[in-house]
C-alpha atoms as a PDB file:
ATOM      1  CA  MET A   1      -9.481  30.888  80.511  1.00  0.00           C
ATOM      2  CA  ASP A   2      -5.386  30.995  81.661  1.00  0.00           C
ATOM      3  CA  SER A   3      -2.643  33.917  80.437  1.00  0.00           C
ATOM      4  CA  VAL A   4       0.729  32.516  79.174  1.00  0.00           C
ATOM      5  CA  THR A   5       2.739  35.376  78.951  1.00  0.00           C
ATOM      6  CA  LEU A   6       5.547  35.341  75.875  1.00  0.00           C
ATOM      7  CA  GLU A   7       7.907  37.820  77.099  1.00  0.00           C
ATOM      8  CA  GLN A   8      11.799  37.125  77.421  1.00  0.00           C
ATOM      9  CA  THR A   9      14.532  39.076  78.987  1.00  0.00           C
ATOM     10  CA  THR A  10      17.288  40.148  76.629  1.00  0.00           C
ATOM     11  CA  GLN A  11      20.342  38.698  78.522  1.00  0.00           C
ATOM     12  CA  GLN A  12      23.295  36.657  77.509  1.00  0.00           C
ATOM     13  CA  ALA A  13      21.682  33.373  79.446  1.00  0.00           C
ATOM     14  CA  THR A  14      18.517  34.165  77.976  1.00  0.00           C
ATOM     15  CA  PRO A  15      16.276  32.238  75.237  1.00  0.00           C
ATOM     16  CA  PRO A  16      16.832  34.299  71.703  1.00  0.00           C
ATOM     17  CA  THR A  17      14.368  35.669  69.827  1.00  0.00           C
ATOM     18  CA  GLN A  18      13.312  35.785  66.745  1.00  0.00           C
ATOM     19  CA  VAL A  19      13.623  37.588  64.377  1.00  0.00           C
ATOM     20  CA  SER A  20      11.867  38.426  60.872  1.00  0.00           C
ATOM     21  CA  SER A  21      11.371  41.539  58.236  1.00  0.00           C
ATOM     22  CA  ALA A  22       8.384  42.666  59.936  1.00  0.00           C
ATOM     23  CA  SER A  23      10.288  42.537  63.336  1.00  0.00           C
ATOM     24  CA  THR A  24       9.510  45.106  66.319  1.00  0.00           C
ATOM     25  CA  ALA A  25      11.277  47.755  67.781  1.00  0.00           C
ATOM     26  CA  VAL A  26      13.365  45.806  70.662  1.00  0.00           C
ATOM     27  CA  ASN A  27      13.625  47.612  73.389  1.00  0.00           C
ATOM     28  CA  LYS A  28      17.229  46.705  74.974  1.00  0.00           C
ATOM     29  CA  GLU A  29      16.008  45.551  78.841  1.00  0.00           C
ATOM     30  CA  LYS A  30      13.094  43.059  77.892  1.00  0.00           C
ATOM     31  CA  ILE A  31      11.609  41.631  74.777  1.00  0.00           C
ATOM     32  CA  CYS A  32       7.026  41.410  75.316  1.00  0.00           C
ATOM     33  CA  HIS A  33       4.962  40.307  73.439  1.00  0.00           C
ATOM     34  CA  GLU A  34       1.389  40.036  73.352  1.00  0.00           C
ATOM     35  CA  ILE A  35      -0.524  37.865  75.982  1.00  0.00           C
ATOM     36  CA  ALA A  36      -1.962  35.038  75.329  1.00  0.00           C
ATOM     37  CA  GLU A  37      -5.271  33.978  76.291  1.00  0.00           C
ATOM     38  CA  LEU A  38      -5.240  30.021  75.866  1.00  0.00           C
ATOM     39  CA  SER A  39      -7.860  27.795  76.593  1.00  0.00           C
ATOM     40  CA  ALA A  40      -8.198  24.005  78.452  1.00  0.00           C
ATOM     41  CA  LEU A  41      -8.148  22.569  74.132  1.00  0.00           C
ATOM     42  CA  ASP A  42      -5.554  25.222  73.324  1.00  0.00           C
ATOM     43  CA  LYS A  43      -2.461  23.858  76.074  1.00  0.00           C
ATOM     44  CA  SER A  44      -3.965  20.144  75.268  1.00  0.00           C
ATOM     45  CA  LEU A  45      -3.672  20.565  71.998  1.00  0.00           C
ATOM     46  CA  ILE A  46      -0.223  21.446  72.366  1.00  0.00           C
ATOM     47  CA  ASN A  47       0.789  19.274  75.213  1.00  0.00           C
ATOM     48  CA  LEU A  48       0.002  16.342  73.039  1.00  0.00           C
ATOM     49  CA  LEU A  49       1.631  17.774  69.815  1.00  0.00           C
ATOM     50  CA  GLN A  50       4.803  18.183  70.934  1.00  0.00           C
ATOM     51  CA  HIS A  51       5.110  13.983  70.910  1.00  0.00           C
ATOM     52  CA  GLY A  52       3.556  14.020  67.477  1.00  0.00           C
ATOM     53  CA  LEU A  53       1.012  13.525  65.107  1.00  0.00           C
ATOM     54  CA  PRO A  54      -0.438  10.646  64.849  1.00  0.00           C
ATOM     55  CA  VAL A  55       0.396   8.902  61.358  1.00  0.00           C
ATOM     56  CA  CYS A  56      -3.054   7.951  60.130  1.00  0.00           C
ATOM     57  CA  GLU A  57      -5.893   8.733  57.828  1.00  0.00           C
ATOM     58  CA  ARG A  58      -7.611  10.890  59.837  1.00  0.00           C
ATOM     59  CA  PRO A  59      -4.936  11.995  62.220  1.00  0.00           C
ATOM     60  CA  PHE A  60      -6.971  15.357  63.630  1.00  0.00           C
ATOM     61  CA  GLU A  61      -9.918  13.840  64.326  1.00  0.00           C
ATOM     62  CA  GLN A  62      -7.646  10.361  66.592  1.00  0.00           C
ATOM     63  CA  ILE A  63      -6.521  13.579  68.459  1.00  0.00           C
ATOM     64  CA  ALA A  64      -9.914  14.974  68.814  1.00  0.00           C
ATOM     65  CA  ASN A  65     -10.777  11.813  70.962  1.00  0.00           C
ATOM     66  CA  GLU A  66      -8.248  11.762  72.575  1.00  0.00           C
ATOM     67  CA  LEU A  67      -8.893  15.203  73.869  1.00  0.00           C
ATOM     68  CA  GLY A  68     -13.102  14.489  73.784  1.00  0.00           C
ATOM     69  CA  SER A  69     -13.606  17.161  71.118  1.00  0.00           C
ATOM     70  CA  THR A  70     -14.343  17.398  67.568  1.00  0.00           C
ATOM     71  CA  GLU A  71     -12.023  17.310  64.725  1.00  0.00           C
ATOM     72  CA  ALA A  72     -13.755  20.603  62.853  1.00  0.00           C
ATOM     73  CA  GLU A  73     -12.042  22.026  67.124  1.00  0.00           C
ATOM     74  CA  VAL A  74      -9.302  20.667  67.092  1.00  0.00           C
ATOM     75  CA  ILE A  75      -8.211  22.218  64.138  1.00  0.00           C
ATOM     76  CA  GLN A  76     -10.615  25.424  64.366  1.00  0.00           C
ATOM     77  CA  HIS A  77      -7.979  25.647  67.763  1.00  0.00           C
ATOM     78  CA  LEU A  78      -4.611  24.739  65.162  1.00  0.00           C
ATOM     79  CA  ASN A  79      -5.533  28.081  63.014  1.00  0.00           C
ATOM     80  CA  GLU A  80      -6.515  30.246  65.542  1.00  0.00           C
ATOM     81  CA  LEU A  81      -3.374  29.504  67.972  1.00  0.00           C
ATOM     82  CA  LYS A  82      -1.163  29.767  64.159  1.00  0.00           C
ATOM     83  CA  ALA A  83      -2.624  32.548  63.277  1.00  0.00           C
ATOM     84  CA  SER A  84      -2.512  34.277  66.779  1.00  0.00           C
ATOM     85  CA  ARG A  85       1.217  33.371  66.745  1.00  0.00           C
ATOM     86  CA  VAL A  86       1.122  31.125  70.155  1.00  0.00           C
ATOM     87  CA  LEU A  87       2.384  28.511  67.618  1.00  0.00           C
ATOM     88  CA  SER A  88       5.178  30.111  64.728  1.00  0.00           C
ATOM     89  CA  ARG A  89       4.521  26.599  62.496  1.00  0.00           C
ATOM     90  CA  PHE A  90       2.915  23.829  62.009  1.00  0.00           C
ATOM     91  CA  GLY A  91       4.065  20.862  59.779  1.00  0.00           C
ATOM     92  CA  PRO A  92       7.093  17.876  60.103  1.00  0.00           C
ATOM     93  CA  MET A  93      10.996  18.746  61.356  1.00  0.00           C
ATOM     94  CA  PHE A  94      13.446  16.790  58.689  1.00  0.00           C
ATOM     95  CA  ASP A  95      16.796  15.733  59.541  1.00  0.00           C
ATOM     96  CA  ALA A  96      18.161  17.777  56.217  1.00  0.00           C
ATOM     97  CA  VAL A  97      21.027  15.075  56.597  1.00  0.00           C
ATOM     98  CA  TYR A  98      19.260  12.110  55.804  1.00  0.00           C
ATOM     99  CA  LEU A  99      17.451  13.344  52.948  1.00  0.00           C
ATOM    100  CA  GLY A 100      20.935  13.991  51.156  1.00  0.00           C
ATOM    101  CA  GLY A 101      20.567  17.408  52.551  1.00  0.00           C
ATOM    102  CA  ALA A 102      22.563  19.612  54.968  1.00  0.00           C
ATOM    103  CA  PHE A 103      22.402  22.229  58.075  1.00  0.00           C
ATOM    104  CA  THR A 104      24.754  24.730  59.507  1.00  0.00           C
ATOM    105  CA  LEU A 105      24.275  27.466  62.431  1.00  0.00           C
ATOM    106  CA  ALA A 106      25.898  30.678  61.347  1.00  0.00           C
ATOM    107  CA  ALA A 107      26.231  34.007  62.487  1.00  0.00           C
ATOM    108  CA  LEU A 108      26.559  37.809  62.225  1.00  0.00           C
ATOM    109  CA  ALA A 109      28.314  41.000  63.606  1.00  0.00           C
ATOM    110  CA  VAL A 110      25.814  43.000  62.342  1.00  0.00           C
ATOM    111  CA  PRO A 111      25.605  46.861  63.145  1.00  0.00           C
ATOM    112  CA  GLU A 112      23.100  48.290  65.224  1.00  0.00           C
ATOM    113  CA  GLU A 113      21.862  50.572  62.556  1.00  0.00           C
ATOM    114  CA  ASP A 114      21.888  48.156  59.759  1.00  0.00           C
ATOM    115  CA  PHE A 115      19.622  45.284  61.849  1.00  0.00           C
ATOM    116  CA  GLU A 116      16.562  45.325  59.959  1.00  0.00           C
ATOM    117  CA  LYS A 117      17.774  45.662  56.602  1.00  0.00           C
ATOM    118  CA  VAL A 118      19.888  42.630  56.647  1.00  0.00           C
ATOM    119  CA  THR A 119      17.433  40.618  58.742  1.00  0.00           C
ATOM    120  CA  GLU A 120      15.708  41.811  55.543  1.00  0.00           C
ATOM    121  CA  GLN A 121      18.554  40.363  53.446  1.00  0.00           C
ATOM    122  CA  VAL A 122      19.475  37.029  55.377  1.00  0.00           C
ATOM    123  CA  ASN A 123      15.554  36.199  55.614  1.00  0.00           C
ATOM    124  CA  ALA A 124      15.213  36.479  52.219  1.00  0.00           C
ATOM    125  CA  PHE A 125      17.213  33.073  51.291  1.00  0.00           C
ATOM    126  CA  GLU A 126      14.940  30.670  51.214  1.00  0.00           C
ATOM    127  CA  GLN A 127      17.669  28.273  52.951  1.00  0.00           C
ATOM    128  CA  ILE A 128      17.492  30.288  56.009  1.00  0.00           C
ATOM    129  CA  ALA A 129      15.231  27.811  58.221  1.00  0.00           C
ATOM    130  CA  HIS A 130      15.461  30.358  61.921  1.00  0.00           C
ATOM    131  CA  ASN A 131      16.359  33.995  62.556  1.00  0.00           C
ATOM    132  CA  TYR A 132      17.485  34.831  66.015  1.00  0.00           C
ATOM    133  CA  ARG A 133      19.016  38.157  67.948  1.00  0.00           C
ATOM    134  CA  ARG A 134      21.283  37.998  70.535  1.00  0.00           C
ATOM    135  CA  THR A 135      22.705  40.311  72.713  1.00  0.00           C
ATOM    136  CA  HIS A 136      26.731  39.362  71.482  1.00  0.00           C
ATOM    137  CA  ARG A 137      28.992  40.845  69.303  1.00  0.00           C
ATOM    138  CA  PHE A 138      27.487  38.132  67.009  1.00  0.00           C
ATOM    139  CA  ASN A 139      23.829  39.806  67.154  1.00  0.00           C
ATOM    140  CA  MET A 140      22.050  37.421  64.452  1.00  0.00           C
ATOM    141  CA  TRP A 141      22.506  33.882  64.881  1.00  0.00           C
ATOM    142  CA  PHE A 142      20.417  31.413  62.046  1.00  0.00           C
ATOM    143  CA  VAL A 143      20.031  27.844  60.344  1.00  0.00           C
ATOM    144  CA  ILE A 144      21.123  27.452  56.926  1.00  0.00           C
ATOM    145  CA  ALA A 145      19.082  23.874  55.381  1.00  0.00           C
ATOM    146  CA  THR A 146      20.631  23.332  52.014  1.00  0.00           C
ATOM    147  CA  GLU A 147      19.480  20.560  49.381  1.00  0.00           C
ATOM    148  CA  ALA A 148      22.835  19.199  49.258  1.00  0.00           C
ATOM    149  CA  ALA A 149      25.907  19.561  51.312  1.00  0.00           C
ATOM    150  CA  ASP A 150      27.830  21.984  48.941  1.00  0.00           C
ATOM    151  CA  GLU A 151      25.438  24.621  48.765  1.00  0.00           C
ATOM    152  CA  ILE A 152      26.452  25.708  52.057  1.00  0.00           C
ATOM    153  CA  GLU A 153      29.235  26.854  51.201  1.00  0.00           C
ATOM    154  CA  GLN A 154      27.407  28.725  48.441  1.00  0.00           C
ATOM    155  CA  VAL A 155      24.711  30.313  50.856  1.00  0.00           C
ATOM    156  CA  ILE A 156      26.983  31.978  52.745  1.00  0.00           C
ATOM    157  CA  ALA A 157      29.056  33.231  50.354  1.00  0.00           C
ATOM    158  CA  ALA A 158      25.913  35.062  49.227  1.00  0.00           C
ATOM    159  CA  ILE A 159      24.859  36.022  52.471  1.00  0.00           C
ATOM    160  CA  GLU A 160      28.209  37.660  52.857  1.00  0.00           C
ATOM    161  CA  GLU A 161      28.112  39.430  49.285  1.00  0.00           C
ATOM    162  CA  LYS A 162      24.290  40.546  50.012  1.00  0.00           C
ATOM    163  CA  THR A 163      25.199  41.932  53.467  1.00  0.00           C
ATOM    164  CA  GLY A 164      28.790  42.871  52.859  1.00  0.00           C
ATOM    165  CA  LEU A 165      29.572  41.084  56.827  1.00  0.00           C
ATOM    166  CA  SER A 166      31.184  38.143  57.087  1.00  0.00           C
ATOM    167  CA  VAL A 167      29.347  35.039  58.142  1.00  0.00           C
ATOM    168  CA  LEU A 168      30.448  32.853  61.173  1.00  0.00           C
ATOM    169  CA  ASN A 169      30.220  29.494  59.809  1.00  0.00           C
ATOM    170  CA  THR A 170      29.712  27.084  63.074  1.00  0.00           C
ATOM    171  CA  PRO A 171      28.914  23.484  61.874  1.00  0.00           C
ATOM    172  CA  LYS A 172      27.541  20.743  63.849  1.00  0.00           C
ATOM    173  CA  LEU A 173      30.707  18.145  65.345  1.00  0.00           C
ATOM    174  CA  LYS A 174      28.625  16.016  66.893  1.00  0.00           C
ATOM    175  CA  GLU A 175      25.277  15.623  67.690  1.00  0.00           C
ATOM    176  CA  PHE A 176      23.150  14.696  70.410  1.00  0.00           C
ATOM    177  CA  TYR A 177      19.309  13.956  71.231  1.00  0.00           C
ATOM    178  CA  VAL A 178      17.217  16.081  73.875  1.00  0.00           C
ATOM    179  CA  GLY A 179      13.878  15.269  73.921  1.00  0.00           C
ATOM    180  CA  LEU A 180      12.453  18.735  74.632  1.00  0.00           C
ATOM    181  CA  TYR A 181       9.162  18.946  75.966  1.00  0.00           C
ATOM    182  CA  LEU A 182       7.828  22.414  77.224  1.00  0.00           C
ATOM    183  CA  PRO A 183       4.429  21.844  78.772  1.00  0.00           C
ATOM    184  CA  VAL A 184       1.659  24.525  78.841  1.00  0.00           C
END
């Protein structure tokens, strides 16, 4: 097995760190997670599934056939990748706008001493899709996804009321397609 390090340096030009209500203590210089041991099958699954899941009666069986494995082994490895947090989620990505909903990127300038409490408050909203810590005056960035466009402002108002902080709302002005693929 090869090792993959899940390490990020927290500087403005680096990727954000996802935060949860059970987030660990943050070192100002470096955020370091355990090193994940990935098998050849794990890597192949991660690489293949970034291109999509087959739409058929037994998608995991089809994937197993492509990778020279079994359906049970594929499902077991995916469950283990999820349980070990190598995969943070496994499921479809929907465009809320095409379903009649809306989404926006929002931010808060959270005092450091209140960061954990505010993280819990924000993450308690079912409309929060992602929540990331950044090294910036606006140090908490999150996506709000709602079933209706007018609900965005309601959620923002509720977050402001609950946290006592002003939300910076940065709605999408123009959409760009980025074919993101991160080979393992």
